[in-house]
C-alpha atoms as a PDB file:
ATOM      1  CA  UNK A   1      -0.303   0.046   0.148  1.00  0.00           C
ATOM      2  CA  UNK A   2       3.391   2.488   0.426  1.00  0.00           C
ATOM      3  CA  UNK A   3       3.911   1.706  -3.214  1.00  0.00           C
ATOM      4  CA  UNK A   4       0.051   2.403  -3.938  1.00  0.00           C
ATOM      5  CA  UNK A   5       0.361   5.732  -2.269  1.00  0.00           C
ATOM      6  CA  UNK A   6       3.666   7.174  -3.898  1.00  0.00           C
ATOM      7  CA  UNK A   7       2.226   6.095  -7.230  1.00  0.00           C
ATOM      8  CA  UNK A   8      -0.779   7.906  -6.449  1.00  0.00           C
ATOM      9  CA  UNK A   9       0.859  11.425  -4.973  1.00  0.00           C
ATOM     10  CA  UNK A  10      -1.456  10.497  -1.692  1.00  0.00           C
ATOM     11  CA  UNK A  11      -0.685   9.624   1.527  1.00  0.00           C
ATOM     12  CA  UNK A  12      -0.888   6.425   2.743  1.00  0.00           C
ATOM     13  CA  UNK A  13      -3.815   7.310   5.718  1.00  0.00           C
ATOM     14  CA  UNK A  14      -5.676   8.957   2.700  1.00  0.00           C
ATOM     15  CA  UNK A  15      -5.440   5.917   0.545  1.00  0.00           C
ATOM     16  CA  UNK A  16      -5.986   3.715   3.513  1.00  0.00           C
ATOM     17  CA  UNK A  17      -9.626   6.115   3.608  1.00  0.00           C
ATOM     18  CA  UNK A  18     -10.277   5.244   0.344  1.00  0.00           C
ATOM     19  CA  UNK A  19      -9.848   1.981   0.488  1.00  0.00           C
ATOM     20  CA  UNK A  20     -11.881   1.688   3.409  1.00  0.00           C
ATOM     21  CA  UNK A  21     -14.858   3.612   1.568  1.00  0.00           C
ATOM     22  CA  UNK A  22     -15.036   1.963  -1.536  1.00  0.00           C
ATOM     23  CA  UNK A  23     -13.535   5.199  -3.771  1.00  0.00           C
ATOM     24  CA  UNK A  24     -10.667   2.935  -4.520  1.00  0.00           C
ATOM     25  CA  UNK A  25     -10.928  -1.338  -4.930  1.00  0.00           C
ATOM     26  CA  UNK A  26      -8.508  -3.442  -2.954  1.00  0.00           C
ATOM     27  CA  UNK A  27      -8.509  -6.011  -0.512  1.00  0.00           C
ATOM     28  CA  UNK A  28      -7.376  -6.866   3.311  1.00  0.00           C
ATOM     29  CA  UNK A  29      -5.459  -9.601   3.922  1.00  0.00           C
ATOM     30  CA  UNK A  30      -4.006 -11.288   7.336  1.00  0.00           C
ATOM     31  CA  UNK A  31      -0.491 -10.982   7.077  1.00  0.00           C
ATOM     32  CA  UNK A  32       1.508 -12.856  10.118  1.00  0.00           C
ATOM     33  CA  UNK A  33      -0.694 -11.263  13.606  1.00  0.00           C
ATOM     34  CA  UNK A  34      -1.881  -7.914  11.719  1.00  0.00           C
ATOM     35  CA  UNK A  35      -4.169  -6.980   8.502  1.00  0.00           C
ATOM     36  CA  UNK A  36      -2.661  -5.311   5.849  1.00  0.00           C
ATOM     37  CA  UNK A  37      -4.568  -3.248   2.686  1.00  0.00           C
ATOM     38  CA  UNK A  38      -3.423  -4.181  -1.019  1.00  0.00           C
ATOM     39  CA  UNK A  39      -4.559  -2.039  -3.853  1.00  0.00           C
ATOM     40  CA  UNK A  40      -5.073  -3.938  -7.216  1.00  0.00           C
ATOM     41  CA  UNK A  41      -2.531  -2.948  -9.683  1.00  0.00           C
ATOM     42  CA  UNK A  42      -5.513  -2.056 -12.243  1.00  0.00           C
ATOM     43  CA  UNK A  43      -6.929   0.624  -9.745  1.00  0.00           C
ATOM     44  CA  UNK A  44      -3.419   2.298  -9.782  1.00  0.00           C
ATOM     45  CA  UNK A  45      -3.069   1.979 -13.287  1.00  0.00           C
ATOM     46  CA  UNK A  46      -6.415   3.347 -13.951  1.00  0.00           C
ATOM     47  CA  UNK A  47      -6.688   6.058 -11.209  1.00  0.00           C
ATOM     48  CA  UNK A  48      -2.061   7.390 -11.713  1.00  0.00           C
ATOM     49  CA  UNK A  49      -1.804  11.091 -12.773  1.00  0.00           C
ATOM     50  CA  UNK A  50      -1.234  11.072 -16.027  1.00  0.00           C
ATOM     51  CA  UNK A  51       2.053  13.942 -15.441  1.00  0.00           C
ATOM     52  CA  UNK A  52       4.095  11.320 -13.334  1.00  0.00           C
ATOM     53  CA  UNK A  53       3.817   8.908 -16.391  1.00  0.00           C
ATOM     54  CA  UNK A  54       7.017  10.477 -17.888  1.00  0.00           C
ATOM     55  CA  UNK A  55       8.824  10.301 -14.613  1.00  0.00           C
ATOM     56  CA  UNK A  56       8.054   6.997 -14.174  1.00  0.00           C
ATOM     57  CA  UNK A  57       9.141   6.232 -17.767  1.00  0.00           C
ATOM     58  CA  UNK A  58      12.226   8.123 -16.530  1.00  0.00           C
ATOM     59  CA  UNK A  59      13.490   5.816 -13.704  1.00  0.00           C
ATOM     60  CA  UNK A  60      16.735   4.605 -14.498  1.00  0.00           C
ATOM     61  CA  UNK A  61      18.109   0.764 -13.296  1.00  0.00           C
ATOM     62  CA  UNK A  62      20.105   2.456 -10.499  1.00  0.00           C
ATOM     63  CA  UNK A  63      17.401   4.583  -9.388  1.00  0.00           C
ATOM     64  CA  UNK A  64      15.026   1.339  -9.165  1.00  0.00           C
ATOM     65  CA  UNK A  65      18.083  -0.399  -6.958  1.00  0.00           C
ATOM     66  CA  UNK A  66      18.538   2.265  -4.956  1.00  0.00           C
ATOM     67  CA  UNK A  67      15.344   2.562  -3.774  1.00  0.00           C
ATOM     68  CA  UNK A  68      14.723  -1.332  -3.287  1.00  0.00           C
ATOM     69  CA  UNK A  69      17.944  -0.799  -1.027  1.00  0.00           C
ATOM     70  CA  UNK A  70      16.253   3.027   0.514  1.00  0.00           C
ATOM     71  CA  UNK A  71      12.952   0.119   1.407  1.00  0.00           C
ATOM     72  CA  UNK A  72      15.572  -2.490   2.833  1.00  0.00           C
ATOM     73  CA  UNK A  73      17.257  -0.054   5.094  1.00  0.00           C
ATOM     74  CA  UNK A  74      14.236   2.048   5.914  1.00  0.00           C
ATOM     75  CA  UNK A  75      11.745  -0.919   6.493  1.00  0.00           C
ATOM     76  CA  UNK A  76      13.632  -4.169   7.277  1.00  0.00           C
ATOM     77  CA  UNK A  77      11.231  -7.317   6.188  1.00  0.00           C
ATOM     78  CA  UNK A  78      10.705  -9.760   9.441  1.00  0.00           C
ATOM     79  CA  UNK A  79       9.146 -12.555   9.714  1.00  0.00           C
ATOM     80  CA  UNK A  80       5.602 -11.265   9.795  1.00  0.00           C
ATOM     81  CA  UNK A  81       5.657  -9.019   6.848  1.00  0.00           C
ATOM     82  CA  UNK A  82       8.036 -10.621   3.989  1.00  0.00           C
ATOM     83  CA  UNK A  83       5.162 -11.774   2.401  1.00  0.00           C
ATOM     84  CA  UNK A  84       3.882  -7.767   2.199  1.00  0.00           C
ATOM     85  CA  UNK A  85       6.963  -6.860   0.846  1.00  0.00           C
ATOM     86  CA  UNK A  86       7.301  -9.178  -2.066  1.00  0.00           C
ATOM     87  CA  UNK A  87       3.684  -8.831  -2.650  1.00  0.00           C
ATOM     88  CA  UNK A  88       4.062  -4.449  -2.865  1.00  0.00           C
ATOM     89  CA  UNK A  89       7.292  -5.044  -4.773  1.00  0.00           C
ATOM     90  CA  UNK A  90       5.359  -7.574  -7.305  1.00  0.00           C
ATOM     91  CA  UNK A  91       2.525  -4.733  -7.369  1.00  0.00           C
ATOM     92  CA  UNK A  92       4.299  -1.960  -8.377  1.00  0.00           C
ATOM     93  CA  UNK A  93       6.612  -4.006 -11.133  1.00  0.00           C
ATOM     94  CA  UNK A  94       2.796  -5.241 -11.952  1.00  0.00           C
ATOM     95  CA  UNK A  95       1.517  -1.367 -12.173  1.00  0.00           C
ATOM     96  CA  UNK A  96       4.724  -0.340 -14.492  1.00  0.00           C
ATOM     97  CA  UNK A  97       4.045  -2.814 -16.789  1.00  0.00           C
ATOM     98  CA  UNK A  98       0.227  -2.104 -17.305  1.00  0.00           C
ATOM     99  CA  UNK A  99       0.701   1.384 -17.503  1.00  0.00           C
ATOM    100  CA  UNK A 100       2.774   1.203 -20.565  1.00  0.00           C
ATOM    101  CA  UNK A 101       0.435  -1.325 -22.059  1.00  0.00           C
ATOM    102  CA  UNK A 102      -2.576   0.940 -21.189  1.00  0.00           C
ATOM    103  CA  UNK A 103      -0.560   4.219 -22.692  1.00  0.00           C
ATOM    104  CA  UNK A 104       0.004   2.818 -26.027  1.00  0.00           C
ATOM    105  CA  UNK A 105      -3.699   1.534 -26.536  1.00  0.00           C
ATOM    106  CA  UNK A 106      -5.237   4.340 -25.254  1.00  0.00           C
ATOM    107  CA  UNK A 107      -3.660   6.881 -27.792  1.00  0.00           C
ATOM    108  CA  UNK A 108      -4.584   7.080 -31.240  1.00  0.00           C
ATOM    109  CA  UNK A 109      -1.084   6.879 -32.956  1.00  0.00           C
ATOM    110  CA  UNK A 110       0.468   5.812 -36.030  1.00  0.00           C
ATOM    111  CA  UNK A 111       3.000   2.820 -35.928  1.00  0.00           C
ATOM    112  CA  UNK A 112       6.133   4.257 -35.793  1.00  0.00           C
ATOM    113  CA  UNK A 113       4.624   6.801 -32.669  1.00  0.00           C
ATOM    114  CA  UNK A 114       3.433   3.165 -30.228  1.00  0.00           C
ATOM    115  CA  UNK A 115       7.121   2.026 -31.402  1.00  0.00           C
ATOM    116  CA  UNK A 116       8.710   5.046 -30.003  1.00  0.00           C
ATOM    117  CA  UNK A 117       7.113   5.145 -27.066  1.00  0.00           C
ATOM    118  CA  UNK A 118       7.594   1.362 -26.246  1.00  0.00           C
ATOM    119  CA  UNK A 119      11.112   1.431 -26.707  1.00  0.00           C
ATOM    120  CA  UNK A 120      11.110   4.585 -24.835  1.00  0.00           C
ATOM    121  CA  UNK A 121       9.197   2.842 -22.106  1.00  0.00           C
ATOM    122  CA  UNK A 122      11.379  -0.110 -22.260  1.00  0.00           C
ATOM    123  CA  UNK A 123      14.739   2.137 -21.873  1.00  0.00           C
ATOM    124  CA  UNK A 124      13.184   3.916 -18.614  1.00  0.00           C
ATOM    125  CA  UNK A 125      12.596   0.274 -16.842  1.00  0.00           C
ATOM    126  CA  UNK A 126      15.154  -2.136 -15.717  1.00  0.00           C
ATOM    127  CA  UNK A 127      16.164  -4.948 -18.149  1.00  0.00           C
ATOM    128  CA  UNK A 128      14.432  -8.659 -16.715  1.00  0.00           C
ATOM    129  CA  UNK A 129      17.670  -9.952 -15.888  1.00  0.00           C
ATOM    130  CA  UNK A 130      17.878  -6.733 -13.422  1.00  0.00           C
ATOM    131  CA  UNK A 131      14.405  -7.535 -11.817  1.00  0.00           C
ATOM    132  CA  UNK A 132      15.596 -11.441 -11.464  1.00  0.00           C
ATOM    133  CA  UNK A 133      19.126  -9.983 -10.165  1.00  0.00           C
ATOM    134  CA  UNK A 134      17.190  -7.977  -7.535  1.00  0.00           C
ATOM    135  CA  UNK A 135      14.779 -10.463  -6.177  1.00  0.00           C
ATOM    136  CA  UNK A 136      17.919 -12.953  -6.152  1.00  0.00           C
ATOM    137  CA  UNK A 137      19.710 -10.595  -3.617  1.00  0.00           C
ATOM    138  CA  UNK A 138      16.618 -10.115  -1.786  1.00  0.00           C
ATOM    139  CA  UNK A 139      16.090 -13.832  -1.706  1.00  0.00           C
ATOM    140  CA  UNK A 140      19.480 -14.316  -0.265  1.00  0.00           C
ATOM    141  CA  UNK A 141      19.048 -11.339   2.422  1.00  0.00           C
ATOM    142  CA  UNK A 142      15.801 -13.063   3.826  1.00  0.00           C
ATOM    143  CA  UNK A 143      17.351 -16.441   3.358  1.00  0.00           C
ATOM    144  CA  UNK A 144      19.892 -15.115   5.864  1.00  0.00           C
ATOM    145  CA  UNK A 145      17.917 -13.557   8.034  1.00  0.00           C
ATOM    146  CA  UNK A 146      15.454 -16.867   8.111  1.00  0.00           C
ATOM    147  CA  UNK A 147      18.504 -18.598   8.448  1.00  0.00           C
ATOM    148  CA  UNK A 148      19.335 -16.376  11.423  1.00  0.00           C
ATOM    149  CA  UNK A 149      16.148 -16.616  12.829  1.00  0.00           C
ATOM    150  CA  UNK A 150      15.948 -20.519  12.932  1.00  0.00           C
ATOM    151  CA  UNK A 151      18.997 -20.447  14.784  1.00  0.00           C
ATOM    152  CA  UNK A 152      17.769 -18.594  17.522  1.00  0.00           C
ATOM    153  CA  UNK A 153      14.859 -20.816  17.402  1.00  0.00           C
ATOM    154  CA  UNK A 154      17.404 -23.828  18.028  1.00  0.00           C
ATOM    155  CA  UNK A 155      19.588 -21.878  20.521  1.00  0.00           C
ATOM    156  CA  UNK A 156      16.356 -21.311  22.797  1.00  0.00           C
ATOM    157  CA  UNK A 157      15.146 -24.581  22.161  1.00  0.00           C
ATOM    158  CA  UNK A 158      18.479 -26.098  23.451  1.00  0.00           C
ATOM    159  CA  UNK A 159      18.714 -24.103  26.101  1.00  0.00           C
ATOM    160  CA  UNK A 160      15.196 -24.870  27.313  1.00  0.00           C
ATOM    161  CA  UNK A 161      16.419 -28.944  27.024  1.00  0.00           C
ATOM    162  CA  UNK A 162      19.601 -27.790  28.944  1.00  0.00           C
ATOM    163  CA  UNK A 163      17.821 -25.921  32.064  1.00  0.00           C
ATOM    164  CA  UNK A 164      14.929 -28.861  32.145  1.00  0.00           C
ATOM    165  CA  UNK A 165      18.079 -31.113  32.663  1.00  0.00           C
ATOM    166  CA  UNK A 166      19.394 -29.512  35.343  1.00  0.00           C
ATOM    167  CA  UNK A 167      15.971 -28.861  36.865  1.00  0.00           C
ATOM    168  CA  UNK A 168      15.688 -32.603  36.831  1.00  0.00           C
ATOM    169  CA  UNK A 169      18.933 -33.078  38.025  1.00  0.00           C
ATOM    170  CA  UNK A 170      18.389 -31.092  41.160  1.00  0.00           C
ATOM    171  CA  UNK A 171      15.076 -32.272  41.746  1.00  0.00           C
ATOM    172  CA  UNK A 172      17.112 -35.665  42.077  1.00  0.00           C
ATOM    173  CA  UNK A 173      19.502 -34.201  44.299  1.00  0.00           C
ATOM    174  CA  UNK A 174      16.851 -33.006  46.634  1.00  0.00           C
ATOM    175  CA  UNK A 175      15.133 -36.289  47.030  1.00  0.00           C
ATOM    176  CA  UNK A 176      18.115 -37.963  47.762  1.00  0.00           C
ATOM    177  CA  UNK A 177      18.489 -35.348  50.158  1.00  0.00           C
ATOM    178  CA  UNK A 178      15.350 -35.995  51.328  1.00  0.00           C
ATOM    179  CA  UNK A 179      15.974 -39.447  51.581  1.00  0.00           C
ATOM    180  CA  UNK A 180      19.099 -39.260  53.742  1.00  0.00           C
ATOM    181  CA  UNK A 181      17.736 -37.554  55.783  1.00  0.00           C
ATOM    182  CA  UNK A 182      14.635 -40.020  56.490  1.00  0.00           C
ATOM    183  CA  UNK A 183      17.189 -42.600  57.253  1.00  0.00           C
ATOM    184  CA  UNK A 184      19.563 -40.210  59.866  1.00  0.00           C
ATOM    185  CA  UNK A 185      16.477 -39.501  61.301  1.00  0.00           C
ATOM    186  CA  UNK A 186      15.707 -42.935  61.840  1.00  0.00           C
ATOM    187  CA  UNK A 187      19.049 -44.170  63.067  1.00  0.00           C
ATOM    188  CA  UNK A 188      18.678 -41.138  65.364  1.00  0.00           C
ATOM    189  CA  UNK A 189      16.187 -42.361  67.206  1.00  0.00           C
ATOM    190  CA  UNK A 190      17.330 -45.749  66.923  1.00  0.00           C
ATOM    191  CA  UNK A 191      20.551 -44.531  68.540  1.00  0.00           C
ATOM    192  CA  UNK A 192      18.678 -42.625  71.256  1.00  0.00           C
ATOM    193  CA  UNK A 193      16.721 -45.442  72.416  1.00  0.00           C
ATOM    194  CA  UNK A 194      19.960 -47.226  72.996  1.00  0.00           C
ATOM    195  CA  UNK A 195      20.989 -44.485  74.972  1.00  0.00           C
ATOM    196  CA  UNK A 196      17.814 -44.607  77.251  1.00  0.00           C
ATOM    197  CA  UNK A 197      17.869 -48.323  77.259  1.00  0.00           C
ATOM    198  CA  UNK A 198      22.027 -48.005  78.666  1.00  0.00           C
ATOM    199  CA  UNK A 199      20.847 -45.347  81.289  1.00  0.00           C
ATOM    200  CA  UNK A 200      17.406 -47.412  82.141  1.00  0.00           C
ATOM    201  CA  UNK A 201      19.939 -50.542  82.883  1.00  0.00           C
ATOM    202  CA  UNK A 202      22.656 -48.548  84.606  1.00  0.00           C
ATOM    203  CA  UNK A 203      20.209 -46.914  86.824  1.00  0.00           C
ATOM    204  CA  UNK A 204      18.484 -50.179  87.419  1.00  0.00           C
ATOM    205  CA  UNK A 205      21.670 -51.679  88.310  1.00  0.00           C
ATOM    206  CA  UNK A 206      22.572 -48.736  90.492  1.00  0.00           C
ATOM    207  CA  UNK A 207      19.222 -49.573  92.415  1.00  0.00           C
ATOM    208  CA  UNK A 208      20.306 -52.808  92.874  1.00  0.00           C
ATOM    209  CA  UNK A 209      23.727 -52.059  94.230  1.00  0.00           C
ATOM    210  CA  UNK A 210      22.215 -49.714  96.861  1.00  0.00           C
ATOM    211  CA  UNK A 211      19.651 -52.625  98.075  1.00  0.00           C
ATOM    212  CA  UNK A 212      22.753 -54.871  98.566  1.00  0.00           C
ATOM    213  CA  UNK A 213      25.016 -52.035 100.553  1.00  0.00           C
ATOM    214  CA  UNK A 214      21.736 -51.496 102.713  1.00  0.00           C
ATOM    215  CA  UNK A 215      20.924 -55.340 102.971  1.00  0.00           C
ATOM    216  CA  UNK A 216      24.710 -56.078 104.076  1.00  0.00           C
ATOM    217  CA  UNK A 217      24.951 -53.066 106.275  1.00  0.00           C
ATOM    218  CA  UNK A 218      22.298 -54.295 108.371  1.00  0.00           C
ATOM    219  CA  UNK A 219      23.596 -57.718 109.018  1.00  0.00           C
ATOM    220  CA  UNK A 220      27.123 -57.399 109.844  1.00  0.00           C
ATOM    221  CA  UNK A 221      27.711 -56.680 113.729  1.00  0.00           C
ATOM    222  CA  UNK A 222      28.792 -53.398 115.710  1.00  0.00           C
ATOM    223  CA  UNK A 223      31.802 -53.274 117.125  1.00  0.00           C
ATOM    224  CA  UNK A 224      30.510 -53.044 120.877  1.00  0.00           C
ATOM    225  CA  UNK A 225      27.817 -56.087 119.442  1.00  0.00           C
ATOM    226  CA  UNK A 226      31.345 -58.057 118.776  1.00  0.00           C
ATOM    227  CA  UNK A 227      32.544 -56.792 122.558  1.00  0.00           C
ATOM    228  CA  UNK A 228      30.133 -58.261 124.282  1.00  0.00           C
ATOM    229  CA  UNK A 229      29.586 -61.313 122.530  1.00  0.00           C
ATOM    230  CA  UNK A 230      25.712 -59.922 121.132  1.00  0.00           C
END
């Protein structure tokens, strides 16, 4: 739509308003996550100002290549608008071809005049090989960007897998720690039970010793009992 607005000499917002109102024919398509308007090439060719036609005819190969490079710098295509970028480029080329055909058909002139104009139009437009070269260059650029994006996705997936592996390893270590803690708690309880048993046995033995000492003390005669022979 940007290219069509430039060809018609209007602002992009004005062209969009005309598309919405039906004044200019076109269609709205879903590109990625956005809705974008596209103008029919025939509609542009029918409405273009005849005063701009000589200017379009005078465009050289270098100018077209410069415009394509400028588009790349000012509005680099992303994964979401690759289709839009190529669609607009194709529509511009188709519009120029339609304009050249309509000019030669609409004018009442001799065959020699028509031939002269046709040659002038061809001279002002890049050759087919130049178009192919431009699109091949764009294809290489976008292929590289797609490769970079794909590599980023692979890197992110690899990082996610690595993180998942580390999380699972950490969970296993935590589980092992918990099992060790439970085993140590059981051993602690068993040791405490043995200590309590030992203390009980010692206390019982001490009580028995005291009782025996008391019994022996009670049975042993005193000095006076021995002296008087009691």
